[in-house]
Amino acid sequence: MVNYPWFEAQGWPIGSGPTESMAGVLTPRIRGRGRRWDAPNIDAVMALQALEVNEEWEPYGKSQSPPPPLRLAA
């Protein structure tokens, strides 16, 4: 069972409003004119959009390993 008072005390939304609002923001961007997405890729696109909307790019970037160094062909 969900402890709603605890979540409210943390300042977290407990209703469906924020989720429905985000769906309203993401849907037009995903289904925009000329845009086609494969099912496996749409999850990644939505995750990136959620990082943008929630201003979490910097914390996300800090949590990732640096890419391997590029090796140029000789």
C-alpha atoms as a PDB file:
ATOM      1  CA  MET A   1       0.000   0.000   0.000  1.00  0.00           C
ATOM      2  CA  VAL A   2       1.245   3.497  -0.814  1.00  0.00           C
ATOM      3  CA  ASN A   3       2.017   5.768   2.131  1.00  0.00           C
ATOM      4  CA  TYR A   4       0.472   8.930   0.659  1.00  0.00           C
ATOM      5  CA  PRO A   5       1.111  11.173   3.701  1.00  0.00           C
ATOM      6  CA  TRP A   6       4.831  10.359   3.558  1.00  0.00           C
ATOM      7  CA  PHE A   7       5.051  11.179  -0.166  1.00  0.00           C
ATOM      8  CA  GLU A   8       3.143  14.420   0.388  1.00  0.00           C
ATOM      9  CA  ALA A   9       5.523  15.333   3.231  1.00  0.00           C
ATOM     10  CA  GLN A  10       8.426  14.893   0.794  1.00  0.00           C
ATOM     11  CA  GLY A  11       6.749  17.363  -1.550  1.00  0.00           C
ATOM     12  CA  TRP A  12       6.187  14.743  -4.242  1.00  0.00           C
ATOM     13  CA  PRO A  13       3.015  14.872  -6.321  1.00  0.00           C
ATOM     14  CA  ILE A  14       0.719  11.934  -5.660  1.00  0.00           C
ATOM     15  CA  GLY A  15      -1.988  12.585  -8.247  1.00  0.00           C
ATOM     16  CA  SER A  16      -2.058  11.673 -11.923  1.00  0.00           C
ATOM     17  CA  GLY A  17      -2.002  15.326 -13.031  1.00  0.00           C
ATOM     18  CA  PRO A  18       1.772  15.654 -13.551  1.00  0.00           C
ATOM     19  CA  THR A  19       1.896  12.405 -15.522  1.00  0.00           C
ATOM     20  CA  GLU A  20      -1.014  13.406 -17.712  1.00  0.00           C
ATOM     21  CA  SER A  21       0.518  16.832 -18.219  1.00  0.00           C
ATOM     22  CA  MET A  22       3.827  15.312 -19.308  1.00  0.00           C
ATOM     23  CA  ALA A  23       1.996  13.056 -21.748  1.00  0.00           C
ATOM     24  CA  GLY A  24       0.403  16.159 -23.230  1.00  0.00           C
ATOM     25  CA  VAL A  25       3.845  17.745 -23.675  1.00  0.00           C
ATOM     26  CA  LEU A  26       5.594  14.685 -25.074  1.00  0.00           C
ATOM     27  CA  THR A  27       2.934  13.424 -27.468  1.00  0.00           C
ATOM     28  CA  PRO A  28       3.041  16.351 -29.932  1.00  0.00           C
ATOM     29  CA  ARG A  29       6.849  16.305 -29.924  1.00  0.00           C
ATOM     30  CA  ILE A  30       6.980  12.588 -30.602  1.00  0.00           C
ATOM     31  CA  ARG A  31       4.182  12.506 -33.141  1.00  0.00           C
ATOM     32  CA  GLY A  32       5.219  15.682 -34.915  1.00  0.00           C
ATOM     33  CA  ARG A  33       5.025  15.985 -38.666  1.00  0.00           C
ATOM     34  CA  GLY A  34       7.438  13.649 -40.420  1.00  0.00           C
ATOM     35  CA  ARG A  35       8.576  11.910 -37.246  1.00  0.00           C
ATOM     36  CA  ARG A  36       8.668   8.143 -37.104  1.00  0.00           C
ATOM     37  CA  TRP A  37       9.964   6.109 -34.186  1.00  0.00           C
ATOM     38  CA  ASP A  38      10.493   2.401 -33.686  1.00  0.00           C
ATOM     39  CA  ALA A  39       8.989   1.089 -30.462  1.00  0.00           C
ATOM     40  CA  PRO A  40      12.372   0.375 -28.786  1.00  0.00           C
ATOM     41  CA  ASN A  41      13.620   3.876 -29.600  1.00  0.00           C
ATOM     42  CA  ILE A  42      10.629   5.806 -28.322  1.00  0.00           C
ATOM     43  CA  ASP A  43      11.464   4.898 -24.711  1.00  0.00           C
ATOM     44  CA  ALA A  44      14.906   6.474 -25.125  1.00  0.00           C
ATOM     45  CA  VAL A  45      13.435   9.598 -26.729  1.00  0.00           C
ATOM     46  CA  MET A  46      10.924   9.979 -23.913  1.00  0.00           C
ATOM     47  CA  ALA A  47      13.616   9.448 -21.263  1.00  0.00           C
ATOM     48  CA  LEU A  48      15.760  12.173 -22.839  1.00  0.00           C
ATOM     49  CA  GLN A  49      12.794  14.522 -23.013  1.00  0.00           C
ATOM     50  CA  ALA A  50      12.031  13.853 -19.337  1.00  0.00           C
ATOM     51  CA  LEU A  51      15.637  14.803 -18.457  1.00  0.00           C
ATOM     52  CA  GLU A  52      15.194  18.049 -20.385  1.00  0.00           C
ATOM     53  CA  VAL A  53      11.837  18.975 -18.870  1.00  0.00           C
ATOM     54  CA  ASN A  54      12.997  18.185 -15.332  1.00  0.00           C
ATOM     55  CA  GLU A  55      16.315  20.021 -15.813  1.00  0.00           C
ATOM     56  CA  GLU A  56      18.272  16.903 -14.867  1.00  0.00           C
ATOM     57  CA  TRP A  57      20.815  16.836 -17.703  1.00  0.00           C
ATOM     58  CA  GLU A  58      23.732  17.821 -15.464  1.00  0.00           C
ATOM     59  CA  PRO A  59      23.105  15.249 -12.702  1.00  0.00           C
ATOM     60  CA  TYR A  60      22.515  12.581 -15.345  1.00  0.00           C
ATOM     61  CA  GLY A  61      25.724  13.480 -17.157  1.00  0.00           C
ATOM     62  CA  LYS A  62      27.714  13.305 -13.938  1.00  0.00           C
ATOM     63  CA  SER A  63      26.334   9.837 -13.229  1.00  0.00           C
ATOM     64  CA  GLN A  64      27.572   8.424 -16.555  1.00  0.00           C
ATOM     65  CA  SER A  65      30.975   6.933 -17.288  1.00  0.00           C
ATOM     66  CA  PRO A  66      33.113   8.934 -19.695  1.00  0.00           C
ATOM     67  CA  PRO A  67      33.173   7.585 -23.230  1.00  0.00           C
ATOM     68  CA  PRO A  68      36.212   5.550 -24.305  1.00  0.00           C
ATOM     69  CA  PRO A  69      38.912   7.538 -26.094  1.00  0.00           C
ATOM     70  CA  LEU A  70      38.647   7.731 -29.861  1.00  0.00           C
ATOM     71  CA  ARG A  71      41.210   5.736 -31.798  1.00  0.00           C
ATOM     72  CA  LEU A  72      42.066   7.064 -35.185  1.00  0.00           C
ATOM     73  CA  ALA A  73      42.887   4.663 -37.992  1.00  0.00           C
ATOM     74  CA  ALA A  74      46.554   4.705 -38.936  1.00  0.00           C
END
